[in-house]
Protein backbone atom coordinates (compact mmCIF):
# COMPACT_ATOMS: atom_id res chain seq x y z
CA GLY A 1 -9.33 9.97 29.26
CA ALA A 2 -10.46 6.74 27.57
CA LEU A 3 -11.59 8.54 24.42
CA VAL A 4 -8.30 10.36 24.11
CA ALA A 5 -6.49 7.05 24.60
CA LEU A 6 -8.65 5.37 21.94
CA ALA A 7 -8.11 8.19 19.45
CA ALA A 8 -4.36 8.18 20.18
CA GLY A 9 -4.27 4.39 19.83
CA LEU A 10 -6.03 4.51 16.47
CA SER A 11 -3.69 7.25 15.32
CA GLY A 12 -0.83 4.98 16.33
CA VAL A 13 -2.31 2.04 14.41
CA VAL A 14 -2.60 4.20 11.29
CA ALA A 15 0.92 5.60 11.81
CA LEU A 16 2.28 2.05 12.07
CA GLY A 17 0.55 1.26 8.80
CA PHE A 18 2.35 4.17 7.17
CA LEU A 19 5.67 2.64 8.23
CA CYS A 20 4.99 0.10 5.48
CA GLY A 21 5.00 2.91 2.93
CA LEU A 22 2.42 5.06 1.21
CA GLN A 23 -0.04 3.04 -0.84
CA LEU A 24 -2.44 5.46 -2.52
CA GLY A 25 -4.97 2.68 -3.17
CA ASN A 26 -5.26 2.11 0.58
CA LEU A 27 -4.86 5.67 1.85
CA HIS A 28 -8.63 6.22 2.05
CA ASN A 29 -8.99 3.48 4.69
CA GLY A 30 -6.47 5.20 6.98
CA LEU A 31 -8.08 8.59 6.51
CA LEU A 32 -11.58 7.17 7.04
CA GLY A 33 -10.38 5.40 10.18
CA LEU A 34 -9.05 8.62 11.66
CA SER A 35 -12.04 10.67 10.53
CA PHE A 36 -14.66 8.31 11.93
CA ALA A 37 -12.72 7.85 15.16
CA PHE A 38 -12.22 11.54 15.85
CA VAL A 39 -15.81 12.44 14.98
CA GLY A 40 -17.02 9.60 17.21
CA ALA A 41 -14.77 10.67 20.08
CA PHE A 42 -15.94 14.28 19.71
CA VAL A 43 -19.63 13.29 19.70
CA VAL A 44 -19.27 10.92 22.67
CA ARG A 45 -17.30 13.48 24.65
CA HIS A 46 -19.90 16.20 24.09
CA ASN A 47 -22.82 13.93 24.99
CA ARG A 48 -21.95 12.82 28.51
CA ASP A 49 -25.32 11.19 29.27
CA PRO A 50 -24.81 7.45 28.50
CA ASP A 51 -28.40 7.14 27.24
CA SER A 52 -28.26 10.13 24.91
CA PRO A 53 -28.66 9.62 21.17
CA GLY A 54 -25.25 11.22 20.68
CA GLN A 55 -23.63 8.49 22.74
CA ARG A 56 -25.12 5.78 20.52
CA GLU A 57 -24.20 7.55 17.31
CA GLY A 58 -20.75 8.46 18.60
CA ARG A 59 -20.06 4.82 19.49
CA LEU A 60 -21.10 3.76 15.99
CA PHE A 61 -18.67 6.30 14.54
CA LEU A 62 -15.92 5.03 16.85
CA LEU A 63 -16.58 1.46 15.78
CA CYS A 64 -16.33 2.48 12.11
CA GLY A 65 -13.04 4.21 12.89
CA VAL A 66 -11.61 1.13 14.57
CA ALA A 67 -12.66 -1.10 11.66
CA GLU A 68 -11.29 1.24 8.97
CA ALA A 69 -7.99 1.79 10.82
CA ALA A 70 -7.54 -1.96 11.28
CA MET A 71 -8.25 -2.66 7.60
CA PHE A 72 -5.79 0.05 6.60
CA SER A 73 -2.94 -1.21 8.74
CA CYS A 74 -3.48 -4.86 7.87
CA ARG A 75 -3.54 -4.08 4.16
CA GLN A 76 -0.39 -2.00 4.53
CA VAL A 77 1.40 -5.12 5.79
CA GLY A 78 0.18 -6.88 2.63
CA TYR A 79 2.44 -4.60 0.62
CA GLN A 80 5.46 -5.96 2.53
CA PRO A 81 5.86 -9.61 1.54
CA GLY A 82 8.93 -10.11 3.76
CA VAL A 83 7.03 -9.52 7.00
CA PRO A 84 6.43 -12.78 8.91
CA GLY A 85 2.75 -13.68 8.78
CA ALA A 86 2.02 -10.95 6.21
CA GLU A 87 -0.38 -13.21 4.32
CA TRP A 88 -2.65 -13.62 7.34
CA ILE A 89 -2.34 -10.03 8.52
CA ALA A 90 -3.21 -8.71 5.05
CA TRP A 91 -6.11 -11.18 4.86
CA PHE A 92 -7.66 -9.45 7.90
CA GLY A 93 -7.46 -6.18 5.97
CA VAL A 94 -9.39 -7.46 2.96
CA TRP A 95 -12.26 -9.82 3.72
CA PRO A 96 -14.10 -7.65 6.31
CA LEU A 97 -14.72 -4.89 3.72
CA PRO A 98 -18.40 -5.78 3.08
CA LEU A 99 -19.05 -5.92 6.83
CA VAL A 100 -17.40 -2.53 7.33
CA MET A 101 -19.41 -1.06 4.45
CA ALA A 102 -22.61 -2.34 6.05
CA LEU A 103 -21.52 -0.86 9.40
CA VAL A 104 -20.82 2.52 7.81
CA GLY A 105 -24.24 2.39 6.13
CA LEU A 106 -25.90 1.60 9.45
CA THR A 107 -24.02 4.46 11.09
CA ILE A 108 -25.11 6.95 8.46
CA MET A 109 -28.71 5.70 8.41
CA SER A 110 -28.82 6.02 12.22
CA PHE A 111 -27.70 9.64 12.20
CA PRO A 112 -28.30 11.73 14.29
CA SER A 113 -30.14 9.70 16.94
CA GLY A 114 -28.13 6.50 16.85
CA ARG A 115 -31.32 4.62 15.92
CA LEU A 116 -32.76 3.62 12.59
CA PRO A 117 -35.70 5.84 11.54
CA GLY A 118 -38.27 3.05 11.25
CA PRO A 119 -39.17 -0.57 10.47
CA LEU A 120 -38.31 -0.33 6.77
CA TRP A 121 -34.80 0.80 7.67
CA ARG A 122 -34.43 -2.12 10.08
CA ARG A 123 -35.43 -4.56 7.34
CA LEU A 124 -32.97 -2.93 4.93
CA THR A 125 -30.26 -3.25 7.57
CA VAL A 126 -31.00 -6.96 8.04
CA VAL A 127 -30.79 -7.52 4.25
CA ALA A 128 -27.58 -5.47 4.01
CA THR A 129 -26.03 -7.35 6.91
CA ALA A 130 -26.93 -10.73 5.41
CA ALA A 131 -25.47 -9.70 2.04
CA ALA A 132 -22.34 -8.40 3.77
CA ILE A 133 -21.90 -11.69 5.63
CA VAL A 134 -22.16 -13.68 2.39
CA LEU A 135 -19.68 -11.44 0.55
CA ALA A 136 -17.26 -11.36 3.49
CA THR A 137 -17.36 -15.16 3.72
CA VAL A 138 -16.57 -15.51 0.01
CA SER A 139 -13.77 -12.96 0.35
CA ALA A 140 -12.35 -14.73 3.41
CA LEU A 141 -12.23 -18.09 1.66
CA TRP A 142 -11.05 -17.04 -1.82
CA PRO A 143 -8.82 -14.18 -3.08
CA VAL A 144 -11.69 -12.40 -4.85
CA GLU A 145 -10.50 -8.92 -3.76
CA TYR A 146 -6.75 -9.39 -3.98
CA GLU A 147 -6.31 -8.17 -7.55
CA ARG A 148 -8.28 -4.98 -6.81
CA THR A 149 -6.33 -4.26 -3.63
CA ALA A 150 -2.99 -4.97 -5.40
CA LEU A 151 -1.54 -6.72 -2.35
CA LEU A 152 1.90 -8.21 -2.84
CA VAL A 153 1.23 -11.24 -0.65
CA GLU A 154 -0.83 -14.27 -1.54
CA HIS A 155 -4.21 -15.16 -0.06
CA PRO A 156 -3.46 -17.56 2.81
CA LEU A 157 -6.05 -20.18 1.78
CA ALA A 158 -5.91 -22.35 -1.32
CA LEU A 159 -9.44 -23.71 -1.68
CA PRO A 160 -10.87 -25.16 -4.88
CA GLY A 161 -13.60 -23.24 -6.69
CA GLY A 162 -11.79 -19.92 -6.98
CA GLU A 163 -13.10 -19.13 -10.46
CA ALA A 164 -16.73 -19.69 -9.46
CA ALA A 165 -16.22 -17.65 -6.30
CA GLN A 166 -14.67 -14.82 -8.34
CA ALA A 167 -17.55 -14.85 -10.85
CA PHE A 168 -20.14 -14.80 -8.05
CA PHE A 169 -18.32 -12.07 -6.10
CA THR A 170 -17.87 -9.85 -9.15
CA VAL A 171 -21.61 -9.81 -9.89
CA ALA A 172 -22.88 -9.84 -6.29
CA SER A 173 -20.47 -7.20 -4.99
CA SER A 174 -21.36 -4.83 -7.83
CA ILE A 175 -25.01 -5.00 -6.85
CA VAL A 176 -24.53 -5.10 -3.06
CA PHE A 177 -21.88 -2.36 -2.89
CA LEU A 178 -24.10 -0.07 -4.99
CA GLY A 179 -26.96 -0.83 -2.60
CA PHE A 180 -24.73 0.03 0.36
CA GLN A 181 -23.90 3.38 -1.19
CA LEU A 182 -27.52 4.16 -1.96
């Protein structure tokens, strides 16, 4: 019941995003949202014991699906500058990216048990999370990702130091995002 409702709700969120048009540069977020959500729902449904490893891993997949679907739909609004509040809605689709990447990494590293394999992995996760928090904070405060995402709305904040933030983000994100993928 609840899993079906969650999966249907996420499908609805992604469908609403598509009402803003088809943006190929953002399509992957919608597809990842649906994929993670449906895999998570499947795993949770087939592991009924709340303490089973499948439950933990399935919930991580569901959380990734929710995050990806939300980023997709919020970014889609950013391609519609006439929508009231589009700047803030699109903003929520951009700055969490490093946090979502860290979450996806944690989910994959925790497969299949829902737990990290050992102490080294826990330390790596702490470092990845800290790096994700720094990058997400920079992205939330300055439009460091707006050119790449090709949004048609402006970043809602106008803080000084944008050039320094962009220079830092360009170097740091290249290193951190590669680390996430490894």
